């Protein structure tokens, strides 16, 4: 995967936080920022799903993971499915048609 270089400006407190976190994790600041971005994507996906602003598929795209991994993440974080009873019945009907 090709990487891009990004330069950002942050305040002193945030920089100190990142530097301290990087030291604690025995990583460089760039690695720490990448990990936080990954975590932020997952948290954003969870919040959008909880607010019904994203489907499981869209949440997975936001988080950068597969749908099955997103479902595992939801379970890990105690996120309940945003599925209406009618949606469940439609899915069950479709499954019966296929099977």
N, C-alpha and C. Protein backbone atom coordinates (compact mmCIF):
# COMPACT_ATOMS: atom_id res chain seq x y z
N UNK A 1 0.85 -1.18 0.00
CA UNK A 1 0.00 0.00 0.00
C UNK A 1 0.89 1.24 0.00
N UNK A 2 0.63 2.13 -0.91
CA UNK A 2 1.40 3.38 -0.98
C UNK A 2 0.99 4.29 0.17
N UNK A 3 1.95 4.98 0.71
CA UNK A 3 1.65 5.91 1.79
C UNK A 3 1.86 7.34 1.31
N UNK A 4 1.17 8.24 1.94
CA UNK A 4 1.29 9.66 1.64
C UNK A 4 1.84 10.37 2.87
N UNK A 5 2.50 11.46 2.65
CA UNK A 5 3.01 12.27 3.74
C UNK A 5 2.03 13.40 4.00
N UNK A 6 1.73 13.61 5.28
CA UNK A 6 0.79 14.66 5.67
C UNK A 6 1.44 15.51 6.74
N UNK A 7 1.40 16.79 6.55
CA UNK A 7 1.93 17.71 7.55
C UNK A 7 0.75 18.43 8.19
N UNK A 8 0.69 18.42 9.52
CA UNK A 8 -0.41 19.09 10.22
C UNK A 8 0.16 19.99 11.31
N UNK A 9 -0.65 20.94 11.73
CA UNK A 9 -0.29 21.80 12.85
C UNK A 9 -1.20 21.43 14.01
N UNK A 10 -0.60 21.20 15.17
CA UNK A 10 -1.37 20.91 16.37
C UNK A 10 -0.83 21.75 17.52
N UNK A 11 -1.67 21.94 18.52
CA UNK A 11 -1.21 22.76 19.63
C UNK A 11 -0.23 21.97 20.52
N UNK A 12 0.43 22.70 21.39
CA UNK A 12 1.49 22.13 22.23
C UNK A 12 0.98 20.98 23.11
N UNK A 13 -0.20 21.15 23.69
CA UNK A 13 -0.75 20.09 24.56
C UNK A 13 -0.96 18.79 23.79
N UNK A 14 -1.53 18.88 22.59
CA UNK A 14 -1.75 17.68 21.78
C UNK A 14 -0.43 17.03 21.39
N UNK A 15 0.56 17.85 21.06
CA UNK A 15 1.87 17.30 20.70
C UNK A 15 2.50 16.57 21.88
N UNK A 16 2.42 17.19 23.05
CA UNK A 16 2.96 16.53 24.25
C UNK A 16 2.25 15.21 24.52
N UNK A 17 0.91 15.22 24.37
CA UNK A 17 0.14 13.99 24.55
C UNK A 17 0.62 12.91 23.59
N UNK A 18 0.75 13.25 22.31
CA UNK A 18 1.20 12.28 21.31
C UNK A 18 2.61 11.77 21.60
N UNK A 19 3.48 12.68 21.99
CA UNK A 19 4.85 12.28 22.30
C UNK A 19 4.91 11.35 23.50
N UNK A 20 4.15 11.67 24.53
CA UNK A 20 4.11 10.83 25.73
C UNK A 20 3.53 9.46 25.41
N UNK A 21 2.43 9.46 24.66
CA UNK A 21 1.80 8.19 24.28
C UNK A 21 2.75 7.34 23.44
N UNK A 22 3.45 7.97 22.52
CA UNK A 22 4.40 7.25 21.68
C UNK A 22 5.50 6.63 22.53
N UNK A 23 6.01 7.39 23.50
CA UNK A 23 7.05 6.86 24.39
C UNK A 23 6.53 5.66 25.18
N UNK A 24 5.31 5.81 25.73
CA UNK A 24 4.72 4.72 26.52
C UNK A 24 4.54 3.45 25.69
N UNK A 25 4.19 3.63 24.44
CA UNK A 25 3.96 2.50 23.54
C UNK A 25 5.23 2.05 22.84
N UNK A 26 6.33 2.75 23.10
CA UNK A 26 7.63 2.47 22.47
C UNK A 26 7.52 2.52 20.93
N UNK A 27 6.88 3.57 20.46
CA UNK A 27 6.70 3.80 19.03
C UNK A 27 7.13 5.22 18.71
N UNK A 28 7.20 5.50 17.42
CA UNK A 28 7.44 6.89 17.05
C UNK A 28 6.09 7.61 16.96
N UNK A 29 6.14 8.92 16.92
CA UNK A 29 4.92 9.72 16.92
C UNK A 29 4.07 9.41 15.68
N UNK A 30 4.70 9.21 14.53
CA UNK A 30 3.95 8.91 13.31
C UNK A 30 3.12 7.64 13.46
N UNK A 31 3.70 6.60 14.02
CA UNK A 31 2.97 5.34 14.23
C UNK A 31 1.81 5.54 15.18
N UNK A 32 2.04 6.32 16.21
CA UNK A 32 0.99 6.60 17.19
C UNK A 32 -0.17 7.34 16.54
N UNK A 33 0.14 8.33 15.72
CA UNK A 33 -0.91 9.08 15.03
C UNK A 33 -1.69 8.16 14.10
N UNK A 34 -0.99 7.28 13.37
CA UNK A 34 -1.69 6.35 12.48
C UNK A 34 -2.64 5.44 13.26
N UNK A 35 -2.18 4.96 14.41
CA UNK A 35 -3.05 4.11 15.25
C UNK A 35 -4.28 4.88 15.72
N UNK A 36 -4.08 6.14 16.11
CA UNK A 36 -5.21 6.95 16.55
C UNK A 36 -6.18 7.23 15.42
N UNK A 37 -5.68 7.43 14.21
CA UNK A 37 -6.56 7.62 13.06
C UNK A 37 -7.37 6.35 12.81
N UNK A 38 -6.72 5.19 12.88
CA UNK A 38 -7.45 3.93 12.70
C UNK A 38 -8.54 3.78 13.76
N UNK A 39 -8.20 4.06 15.00
CA UNK A 39 -9.16 3.97 16.08
C UNK A 39 -10.29 4.98 15.89
N UNK A 40 -9.94 6.17 15.46
CA UNK A 40 -10.93 7.21 15.20
C UNK A 40 -11.91 6.80 14.11
N UNK A 41 -11.41 6.14 13.08
CA UNK A 41 -12.30 5.66 12.00
C UNK A 41 -13.31 4.66 12.55
N UNK A 42 -12.83 3.77 13.41
CA UNK A 42 -13.73 2.76 14.00
C UNK A 42 -14.77 3.44 14.88
N UNK A 43 -14.33 4.37 15.72
CA UNK A 43 -15.26 5.07 16.61
C UNK A 43 -16.28 5.89 15.83
N UNK A 44 -15.84 6.54 14.75
CA UNK A 44 -16.75 7.30 13.90
C UNK A 44 -17.78 6.37 13.27
N UNK A 45 -17.33 5.21 12.79
CA UNK A 45 -18.25 4.24 12.20
C UNK A 45 -19.28 3.77 13.21
N UNK A 46 -18.84 3.49 14.43
CA UNK A 46 -19.76 3.06 15.49
C UNK A 46 -20.80 4.14 15.76
N UNK A 47 -20.35 5.37 15.93
CA UNK A 47 -21.28 6.46 16.23
C UNK A 47 -22.28 6.69 15.10
N UNK A 48 -21.81 6.65 13.87
CA UNK A 48 -22.72 6.84 12.73
C UNK A 48 -23.74 5.72 12.67
N UNK A 49 -23.32 4.50 12.94
CA UNK A 49 -24.24 3.37 12.93
C UNK A 49 -25.26 3.51 14.06
N UNK A 50 -24.80 3.87 15.25
CA UNK A 50 -25.70 4.03 16.39
C UNK A 50 -26.75 5.10 16.15
N UNK A 51 -26.38 6.14 15.40
CA UNK A 51 -27.30 7.24 15.10
C UNK A 51 -28.13 6.95 13.85
N UNK A 52 -28.00 5.75 13.30
CA UNK A 52 -28.69 5.35 12.07
C UNK A 52 -28.28 6.22 10.88
N UNK A 53 -27.07 6.74 10.91
CA UNK A 53 -26.55 7.53 9.80
C UNK A 53 -25.74 6.67 8.84
N UNK A 54 -25.52 5.40 9.22
CA UNK A 54 -24.74 4.50 8.37
C UNK A 54 -25.27 3.08 8.55
N UNK A 55 -25.30 2.36 7.45
CA UNK A 55 -25.62 0.93 7.48
C UNK A 55 -24.38 0.18 7.97
N UNK A 56 -24.52 -1.11 8.17
CA UNK A 56 -23.34 -1.90 8.55
C UNK A 56 -22.30 -1.81 7.44
N UNK A 57 -22.75 -1.87 6.20
CA UNK A 57 -21.82 -1.79 5.07
C UNK A 57 -21.07 -0.46 5.05
N UNK A 58 -21.81 0.64 5.23
CA UNK A 58 -21.16 1.95 5.21
C UNK A 58 -20.24 2.11 6.42
N UNK A 59 -20.66 1.62 7.57
CA UNK A 59 -19.81 1.68 8.76
C UNK A 59 -18.50 0.94 8.52
N UNK A 60 -18.60 -0.21 7.88
CA UNK A 60 -17.39 -1.00 7.58
C UNK A 60 -16.45 -0.22 6.65
N UNK A 61 -17.03 0.46 5.65
CA UNK A 61 -16.21 1.27 4.75
C UNK A 61 -15.53 2.40 5.50
N UNK A 62 -16.28 3.07 6.39
CA UNK A 62 -15.70 4.16 7.17
C UNK A 62 -14.54 3.64 8.02
N UNK A 63 -14.75 2.49 8.65
CA UNK A 63 -13.73 1.92 9.54
C UNK A 63 -12.58 1.28 8.77
N UNK A 64 -12.80 1.00 7.49
CA UNK A 64 -11.76 0.37 6.68
C UNK A 64 -11.60 -1.11 6.95
N UNK A 65 -12.73 -1.77 7.29
CA UNK A 65 -12.70 -3.20 7.59
C UNK A 65 -13.81 -3.91 6.82
N UNK A 66 -13.79 -5.24 6.85
CA UNK A 66 -14.85 -6.01 6.20
C UNK A 66 -16.14 -5.92 7.02
N UNK A 67 -17.25 -6.29 6.41
CA UNK A 67 -18.53 -6.26 7.11
C UNK A 67 -18.50 -7.22 8.30
N UNK A 68 -17.94 -8.40 8.11
CA UNK A 68 -17.89 -9.36 9.23
C UNK A 68 -17.03 -8.82 10.37
N UNK A 69 -15.93 -8.16 10.05
CA UNK A 69 -15.08 -7.55 11.08
C UNK A 69 -15.83 -6.43 11.79
N UNK A 70 -16.62 -5.66 11.03
CA UNK A 70 -17.40 -4.57 11.62
C UNK A 70 -18.43 -5.14 12.58
N UNK A 71 -19.03 -6.26 12.23
CA UNK A 71 -19.99 -6.89 13.12
C UNK A 71 -19.30 -7.36 14.41
N UNK A 72 -18.08 -7.87 14.28
CA UNK A 72 -17.30 -8.26 15.47
C UNK A 72 -17.00 -7.05 16.34
N UNK A 73 -16.67 -5.93 15.69
CA UNK A 73 -16.38 -4.69 16.42
C UNK A 73 -17.63 -4.22 17.16
N UNK A 74 -18.79 -4.27 16.50
CA UNK A 74 -20.04 -3.89 17.16
C UNK A 74 -20.27 -4.75 18.39
N UNK A 75 -20.07 -6.05 18.25
CA UNK A 75 -20.26 -6.96 19.38
C UNK A 75 -19.30 -6.61 20.52
N UNK A 76 -18.05 -6.38 20.18
CA UNK A 76 -17.04 -6.04 21.19
C UNK A 76 -17.41 -4.77 21.95
N UNK A 77 -18.04 -3.82 21.25
CA UNK A 77 -18.38 -2.54 21.86
C UNK A 77 -19.84 -2.49 22.36
N UNK A 78 -20.52 -3.63 22.32
CA UNK A 78 -21.89 -3.70 22.82
C UNK A 78 -22.90 -2.90 22.01
N UNK A 79 -22.65 -2.77 20.72
CA UNK A 79 -23.55 -2.02 19.84
C UNK A 79 -24.65 -2.96 19.36
N UNK A 80 -25.89 -2.55 19.59
CA UNK A 80 -27.03 -3.36 19.16
C UNK A 80 -27.36 -3.07 17.70
N UNK A 81 -27.89 -4.08 17.04
CA UNK A 81 -28.24 -3.95 15.62
C UNK A 81 -29.34 -2.92 15.42
N UNK A 82 -29.17 -2.11 14.39
CA UNK A 82 -30.19 -1.13 13.99
C UNK A 82 -31.10 -1.73 12.94
N UNK A 83 -31.67 -2.85 13.25
CA UNK A 83 -32.50 -3.51 12.25
C UNK A 83 -33.94 -3.54 12.76
N UNK A 84 -34.85 -3.12 11.92
CA UNK A 84 -36.27 -3.14 12.24
C UNK A 84 -36.80 -4.55 12.01
N UNK A 85 -37.88 -4.87 12.66
CA UNK A 85 -38.48 -6.19 12.53
C UNK A 85 -38.82 -6.51 11.07
N UNK A 86 -39.31 -5.50 10.36
CA UNK A 86 -39.66 -5.69 8.94
C UNK A 86 -38.43 -6.03 8.12
N UNK A 87 -37.31 -5.38 8.42
CA UNK A 87 -36.05 -5.68 7.72
C UNK A 87 -35.63 -7.12 7.98
N UNK A 88 -35.80 -7.54 9.22
CA UNK A 88 -35.47 -8.92 9.59
C UNK A 88 -36.32 -9.89 8.78
N UNK A 89 -37.62 -9.62 8.69
CA UNK A 89 -38.52 -10.51 7.94
C UNK A 89 -38.17 -10.54 6.45
N UNK A 90 -37.82 -9.39 5.89
CA UNK A 90 -37.41 -9.34 4.48
C UNK A 90 -36.16 -10.17 4.26
N UNK A 91 -35.19 -10.04 5.15
CA UNK A 91 -33.96 -10.81 5.05
C UNK A 91 -34.21 -12.30 5.16
N UNK A 92 -35.09 -12.67 6.07
CA UNK A 92 -35.44 -14.08 6.26
C UNK A 92 -36.13 -14.63 5.01
N UNK A 93 -37.04 -13.83 4.44
CA UNK A 93 -37.73 -14.24 3.22
C UNK A 93 -36.72 -14.42 2.08
N UNK A 94 -35.82 -13.49 1.94
CA UNK A 94 -34.79 -13.57 0.89
C UNK A 94 -33.90 -14.79 1.08
N UNK A 95 -33.54 -15.05 2.31
CA UNK A 95 -32.71 -16.23 2.61
C UNK A 95 -33.43 -17.51 2.22
N UNK A 96 -34.72 -17.57 2.51
CA UNK A 96 -35.51 -18.77 2.14
C UNK A 96 -35.60 -18.92 0.64
N UNK A 97 -35.68 -17.81 -0.09
CA UNK A 97 -35.74 -17.87 -1.55
C UNK A 97 -34.44 -18.41 -2.12
N UNK A 98 -33.35 -18.00 -1.54
CA UNK A 98 -32.03 -18.41 -2.04
C UNK A 98 -31.73 -19.84 -1.67
N UNK A 99 -32.10 -20.22 -0.46
CA UNK A 99 -31.76 -21.53 0.05
C UNK A 99 -32.76 -22.50 -0.41
